[in-house]
């Protein structure tokens, strides 16, 4: 027999495994269990594993040369407004969109 894949399948399989392993890197991270569980439930509904989601996240970082969402510290006025809103202070509610526009 010649030197073919059929006559020597194990070295070929080992080569494929080695190639696959060498094209990936391992990331170790810690996260709160509840956040992990919630995220993995959502990812499952999307048909994604956490590994695939992290890969997508990293690719988006590379494509956009930064995080794929804004990360900023709000100025004092914005921070105070957000805090008031969280406490339900100075929040107006409307029964309909039309009612909201009528008040402007």
N, C-alpha and C. Protein backbone atom coordinates (compact mmCIF):
# COMPACT_ATOMS: atom_id res chain seq x y z
N UNK A 1 0.83 -1.19 0.00
CA UNK A 1 0.00 0.00 0.00
C UNK A 1 0.86 1.25 0.00
N UNK A 2 0.35 2.30 -0.64
CA UNK A 2 1.07 3.56 -0.67
C UNK A 2 0.83 4.35 0.60
N UNK A 3 1.46 5.48 0.67
CA UNK A 3 1.33 6.36 1.83
C UNK A 3 0.09 7.23 1.65
N UNK A 4 -1.08 6.68 1.95
CA UNK A 4 -2.34 7.39 1.77
C UNK A 4 -3.06 7.55 3.10
N UNK A 5 -4.11 8.35 3.08
CA UNK A 5 -4.93 8.54 4.27
C UNK A 5 -5.56 7.22 4.68
N UNK A 6 -5.97 6.41 3.69
CA UNK A 6 -6.61 5.13 4.00
C UNK A 6 -5.65 4.17 4.68
N UNK A 7 -4.40 4.17 4.28
CA UNK A 7 -3.45 3.22 4.87
C UNK A 7 -2.88 3.70 6.20
N UNK A 8 -2.93 4.99 6.47
CA UNK A 8 -2.40 5.55 7.72
C UNK A 8 -3.38 6.58 8.29
N UNK A 9 -4.58 6.14 8.72
CA UNK A 9 -5.58 7.11 9.15
C UNK A 9 -5.23 7.83 10.46
N UNK A 10 -4.57 7.16 11.39
CA UNK A 10 -4.30 7.78 12.69
C UNK A 10 -3.43 9.03 12.58
N UNK A 11 -2.31 9.01 11.86
CA UNK A 11 -1.53 10.25 11.74
C UNK A 11 -2.33 11.39 11.11
N UNK A 12 -3.19 11.06 10.16
CA UNK A 12 -4.01 12.10 9.53
C UNK A 12 -4.97 12.71 10.54
N UNK A 13 -5.61 11.88 11.35
CA UNK A 13 -6.53 12.37 12.38
C UNK A 13 -5.77 13.21 13.39
N UNK A 14 -4.61 12.75 13.81
CA UNK A 14 -3.80 13.52 14.76
C UNK A 14 -3.40 14.86 14.17
N UNK A 15 -3.07 14.87 12.88
CA UNK A 15 -2.72 16.12 12.22
C UNK A 15 -3.91 17.08 12.23
N UNK A 16 -5.11 16.58 11.94
CA UNK A 16 -6.30 17.43 11.97
C UNK A 16 -6.55 17.99 13.37
N UNK A 17 -6.41 17.14 14.38
CA UNK A 17 -6.60 17.60 15.76
C UNK A 17 -5.57 18.66 16.13
N UNK A 18 -4.32 18.42 15.78
CA UNK A 18 -3.26 19.38 16.07
C UNK A 18 -3.55 20.71 15.38
N UNK A 19 -3.95 20.65 14.11
CA UNK A 19 -4.25 21.87 13.36
C UNK A 19 -5.41 22.63 13.99
N UNK A 20 -6.45 21.92 14.39
CA UNK A 20 -7.61 22.57 15.01
C UNK A 20 -7.23 23.21 16.33
N UNK A 21 -6.42 22.53 17.12
CA UNK A 21 -6.02 23.06 18.42
C UNK A 21 -5.12 24.28 18.25
N UNK A 22 -4.25 24.25 17.30
CA UNK A 22 -3.30 25.35 17.13
C UNK A 22 -3.98 26.62 16.60
N UNK A 23 -5.19 26.52 16.08
CA UNK A 23 -5.88 27.69 15.55
C UNK A 23 -6.80 28.34 16.58
N UNK A 24 -6.76 27.88 17.81
CA UNK A 24 -7.61 28.46 18.85
C UNK A 24 -6.77 28.78 20.08
N UNK A 25 -7.31 29.65 20.90
CA UNK A 25 -6.68 29.99 22.18
C UNK A 25 -7.72 29.79 23.27
N UNK A 26 -7.26 29.57 24.48
CA UNK A 26 -8.15 29.35 25.61
C UNK A 26 -8.24 30.62 26.44
N UNK A 27 -9.46 30.95 26.85
CA UNK A 27 -9.70 32.09 27.73
C UNK A 27 -10.28 31.56 29.03
N UNK A 28 -9.69 31.94 30.15
CA UNK A 28 -10.23 31.58 31.46
C UNK A 28 -10.72 32.85 32.12
N UNK A 29 -11.95 32.84 32.59
CA UNK A 29 -12.51 34.03 33.22
C UNK A 29 -13.45 33.62 34.34
N UNK A 30 -13.74 34.54 35.23
CA UNK A 30 -14.68 34.30 36.31
C UNK A 30 -15.84 35.26 36.16
N UNK A 31 -17.05 34.77 36.45
CA UNK A 31 -18.25 35.59 36.37
C UNK A 31 -19.25 35.05 37.38
N UNK A 32 -20.15 35.92 37.83
CA UNK A 32 -21.15 35.50 38.80
C UNK A 32 -22.00 34.38 38.20
N UNK A 33 -22.28 33.33 38.98
CA UNK A 33 -23.06 32.20 38.45
C UNK A 33 -24.42 32.60 37.89
N UNK A 34 -25.12 33.52 38.54
CA UNK A 34 -26.45 33.92 38.07
C UNK A 34 -26.37 34.59 36.70
N UNK A 35 -25.37 35.46 36.51
CA UNK A 35 -25.19 36.12 35.21
C UNK A 35 -24.87 35.08 34.14
N UNK A 36 -23.99 34.15 34.48
CA UNK A 36 -23.63 33.08 33.53
C UNK A 36 -24.87 32.29 33.13
N UNK A 37 -25.67 31.88 34.10
CA UNK A 37 -26.87 31.09 33.80
C UNK A 37 -27.87 31.86 32.95
N UNK A 38 -28.11 33.11 33.30
CA UNK A 38 -29.05 33.93 32.52
C UNK A 38 -28.57 34.08 31.08
N UNK A 39 -27.29 34.41 30.94
CA UNK A 39 -26.73 34.61 29.60
C UNK A 39 -26.79 33.32 28.78
N UNK A 40 -26.45 32.20 29.40
CA UNK A 40 -26.45 30.94 28.66
C UNK A 40 -27.86 30.51 28.25
N UNK A 41 -28.87 30.85 29.06
CA UNK A 41 -30.26 30.57 28.66
C UNK A 41 -30.63 31.38 27.42
N UNK A 42 -30.24 32.65 27.41
CA UNK A 42 -30.52 33.51 26.25
C UNK A 42 -29.76 33.00 25.03
N UNK A 43 -28.49 32.69 25.22
CA UNK A 43 -27.68 32.18 24.10
C UNK A 43 -28.25 30.88 23.55
N UNK A 44 -28.74 30.03 24.43
CA UNK A 44 -29.34 28.77 23.99
C UNK A 44 -30.54 29.02 23.09
N UNK A 45 -31.37 30.00 23.47
CA UNK A 45 -32.53 30.33 22.63
C UNK A 45 -32.09 30.89 21.28
N UNK A 46 -30.91 31.50 21.25
CA UNK A 46 -30.37 32.03 20.00
C UNK A 46 -29.62 30.96 19.20
N UNK A 47 -29.45 29.79 19.80
CA UNK A 47 -28.72 28.72 19.13
C UNK A 47 -27.22 28.88 19.19
N UNK A 48 -26.73 29.59 20.21
CA UNK A 48 -25.30 29.84 20.35
C UNK A 48 -24.77 29.25 21.64
N UNK A 49 -23.52 28.82 21.62
CA UNK A 49 -22.83 28.44 22.85
C UNK A 49 -22.13 29.67 23.40
N UNK A 50 -21.69 29.58 24.66
CA UNK A 50 -20.96 30.73 25.22
C UNK A 50 -19.64 30.93 24.47
N UNK A 51 -19.04 29.88 23.99
CA UNK A 51 -17.80 29.99 23.23
C UNK A 51 -18.03 30.77 21.93
N UNK A 52 -19.12 30.44 21.24
CA UNK A 52 -19.45 31.16 20.00
C UNK A 52 -19.76 32.63 20.28
N UNK A 53 -20.47 32.89 21.37
CA UNK A 53 -20.82 34.27 21.72
C UNK A 53 -19.57 35.09 22.04
N UNK A 54 -18.64 34.49 22.76
CA UNK A 54 -17.39 35.19 23.08
C UNK A 54 -16.61 35.46 21.80
N UNK A 55 -16.60 34.49 20.89
CA UNK A 55 -15.94 34.69 19.59
C UNK A 55 -16.55 35.84 18.82
N UNK A 56 -17.88 35.92 18.81
CA UNK A 56 -18.57 37.02 18.14
C UNK A 56 -18.19 38.34 18.79
N UNK A 57 -18.19 38.38 20.12
CA UNK A 57 -17.83 39.59 20.86
C UNK A 57 -16.42 40.04 20.50
N UNK A 58 -15.46 39.13 20.50
CA UNK A 58 -14.09 39.48 20.17
C UNK A 58 -13.96 39.96 18.72
N UNK A 59 -14.69 39.31 17.79
CA UNK A 59 -14.63 39.74 16.39
C UNK A 59 -15.19 41.16 16.24
N UNK A 60 -16.25 41.47 16.97
CA UNK A 60 -16.82 42.82 16.92
C UNK A 60 -15.83 43.84 17.48
N UNK A 61 -15.10 43.48 18.52
CA UNK A 61 -14.06 44.36 19.06
C UNK A 61 -13.02 44.65 17.97
N UNK A 62 -12.61 43.61 17.26
CA UNK A 62 -11.61 43.78 16.20
C UNK A 62 -12.15 44.60 15.04
N UNK A 63 -13.38 44.33 14.63
CA UNK A 63 -13.97 45.07 13.51
C UNK A 63 -14.14 46.55 13.81
N UNK A 64 -14.55 46.86 15.03
CA UNK A 64 -14.82 48.26 15.39
C UNK A 64 -13.67 48.94 16.11
N UNK A 65 -12.59 48.21 16.33
CA UNK A 65 -11.43 48.75 17.03
C UNK A 65 -11.81 49.29 18.41
N UNK A 66 -12.69 48.58 19.10
CA UNK A 66 -13.13 48.97 20.44
C UNK A 66 -14.31 48.12 20.85
N UNK A 67 -14.87 48.41 22.00
CA UNK A 67 -16.04 47.67 22.45
C UNK A 67 -17.21 47.93 21.51
N UNK A 68 -18.06 46.92 21.30
CA UNK A 68 -19.17 47.10 20.36
C UNK A 68 -20.38 47.83 20.95
N UNK A 69 -20.15 48.57 22.00
CA UNK A 69 -21.20 49.39 22.63
C UNK A 69 -20.50 50.50 23.38
N UNK A 70 -21.18 51.62 23.59
CA UNK A 70 -20.52 52.72 24.28
C UNK A 70 -20.32 52.42 25.77
N UNK A 71 -19.15 52.73 26.26
CA UNK A 71 -18.84 52.61 27.68
C UNK A 71 -18.34 53.98 28.11
N UNK A 72 -19.13 54.63 28.93
CA UNK A 72 -18.75 55.98 29.33
C UNK A 72 -19.26 56.28 30.73
N UNK A 73 -18.62 57.20 31.37
CA UNK A 73 -19.03 57.66 32.69
C UNK A 73 -19.91 58.88 32.47
N UNK A 74 -21.17 58.83 32.94
CA UNK A 74 -22.06 59.97 32.71
C UNK A 74 -21.59 61.21 33.46
N UNK A 75 -21.88 62.39 32.87
CA UNK A 75 -21.54 63.63 33.57
C UNK A 75 -22.45 63.78 34.79
N UNK A 76 -22.18 64.77 35.61
CA UNK A 76 -22.89 64.92 36.89
C UNK A 76 -24.39 65.06 36.68
N UNK A 77 -24.81 65.87 35.72
CA UNK A 77 -26.24 66.09 35.47
C UNK A 77 -26.93 64.80 35.05
N UNK A 78 -26.30 64.06 34.14
CA UNK A 78 -26.88 62.80 33.68
C UNK A 78 -26.95 61.79 34.82
N UNK A 79 -25.89 61.71 35.62
CA UNK A 79 -25.87 60.77 36.75
C UNK A 79 -26.98 61.09 37.74
N UNK A 80 -27.18 62.38 38.04
CA UNK A 80 -28.24 62.77 38.96
C UNK A 80 -29.62 62.44 38.39
N UNK A 81 -29.81 62.70 37.11
CA UNK A 81 -31.09 62.41 36.46
C UNK A 81 -31.38 60.91 36.47
N UNK A 82 -30.37 60.10 36.17
CA UNK A 82 -30.55 58.65 36.20
C UNK A 82 -30.88 58.15 37.60
N UNK A 83 -30.21 58.72 38.60
CA UNK A 83 -30.49 58.32 39.99
C UNK A 83 -31.91 58.68 40.38
N UNK A 84 -32.36 59.88 40.02
CA UNK A 84 -33.74 60.29 40.32
C UNK A 84 -34.74 59.37 39.62
N UNK A 85 -34.48 59.05 38.38
CA UNK A 85 -35.38 58.17 37.63
C UNK A 85 -35.46 56.80 38.29
N UNK A 86 -34.32 56.28 38.74
CA UNK A 86 -34.30 54.98 39.41
C UNK A 86 -35.14 54.99 40.68
N UNK A 87 -35.17 56.13 41.34
CA UNK A 87 -35.97 56.26 42.57
C UNK A 87 -37.42 56.64 42.28
N UNK A 88 -37.75 56.87 41.01
CA UNK A 88 -39.11 57.25 40.64
C UNK A 88 -39.41 58.71 40.86
N UNK A 89 -38.38 59.52 41.05
CA UNK A 89 -38.56 60.95 41.28
C UNK A 89 -38.57 61.70 39.95
N UNK A 90 -39.43 62.71 39.86
CA UNK A 90 -39.52 63.57 38.68
C UNK A 90 -39.73 62.76 37.39
N UNK A 91 -40.49 61.70 37.51
CA UNK A 91 -40.80 60.86 36.35
C UNK A 91 -42.25 61.10 35.97
N UNK A 92 -42.48 61.42 34.72
CA UNK A 92 -43.84 61.63 34.23
C UNK A 92 -44.27 60.40 33.45
N UNK A 93 -45.50 60.00 33.65
CA UNK A 93 -46.05 58.88 32.88
C UNK A 93 -47.24 59.37 32.07
N UNK A 94 -47.50 58.68 31.00
CA UNK A 94 -48.58 59.07 30.09
C UNK A 94 -49.39 57.84 29.72
N UNK A 95 -50.67 58.05 29.50
CA UNK A 95 -51.56 56.95 29.12
C UNK A 95 -51.36 56.54 27.67
N UNK A 96 -50.89 57.47 26.86
CA UNK A 96 -50.70 57.17 25.44
C UNK A 96 -49.59 58.05 24.86
N UNK A 97 -49.16 57.69 23.70
CA UNK A 97 -48.15 58.46 22.99
C UNK A 97 -48.69 59.84 22.64
N UNK A 98 -49.94 59.87 22.23
CA UNK A 98 -50.58 61.15 21.88
C UNK A 98 -50.57 62.11 23.08
N UNK A 99 -50.92 61.58 24.26
CA UNK A 99 -50.93 62.41 25.47
C UNK A 99 -49.54 62.98 25.76
N UNK A 100 -48.52 62.15 25.54
CA UNK A 100 -47.16 62.62 25.77
C UNK A 100 -46.83 63.79 24.85
N UNK A 101 -47.16 63.66 23.56
CA UNK A 101 -46.84 64.72 22.61
C UNK A 101 -47.66 65.99 22.87
N UNK A 102 -48.85 65.85 23.40
CA UNK A 102 -49.68 67.01 23.72
C UNK A 102 -49.07 67.87 24.82
N UNK A 103 -48.29 67.28 25.70
CA UNK A 103 -47.69 68.04 26.81
C UNK A 103 -46.47 68.83 26.37
N UNK A 104 -45.93 68.55 25.21
CA UNK A 104 -44.75 69.26 24.74
C UNK A 104 -45.18 70.55 24.17
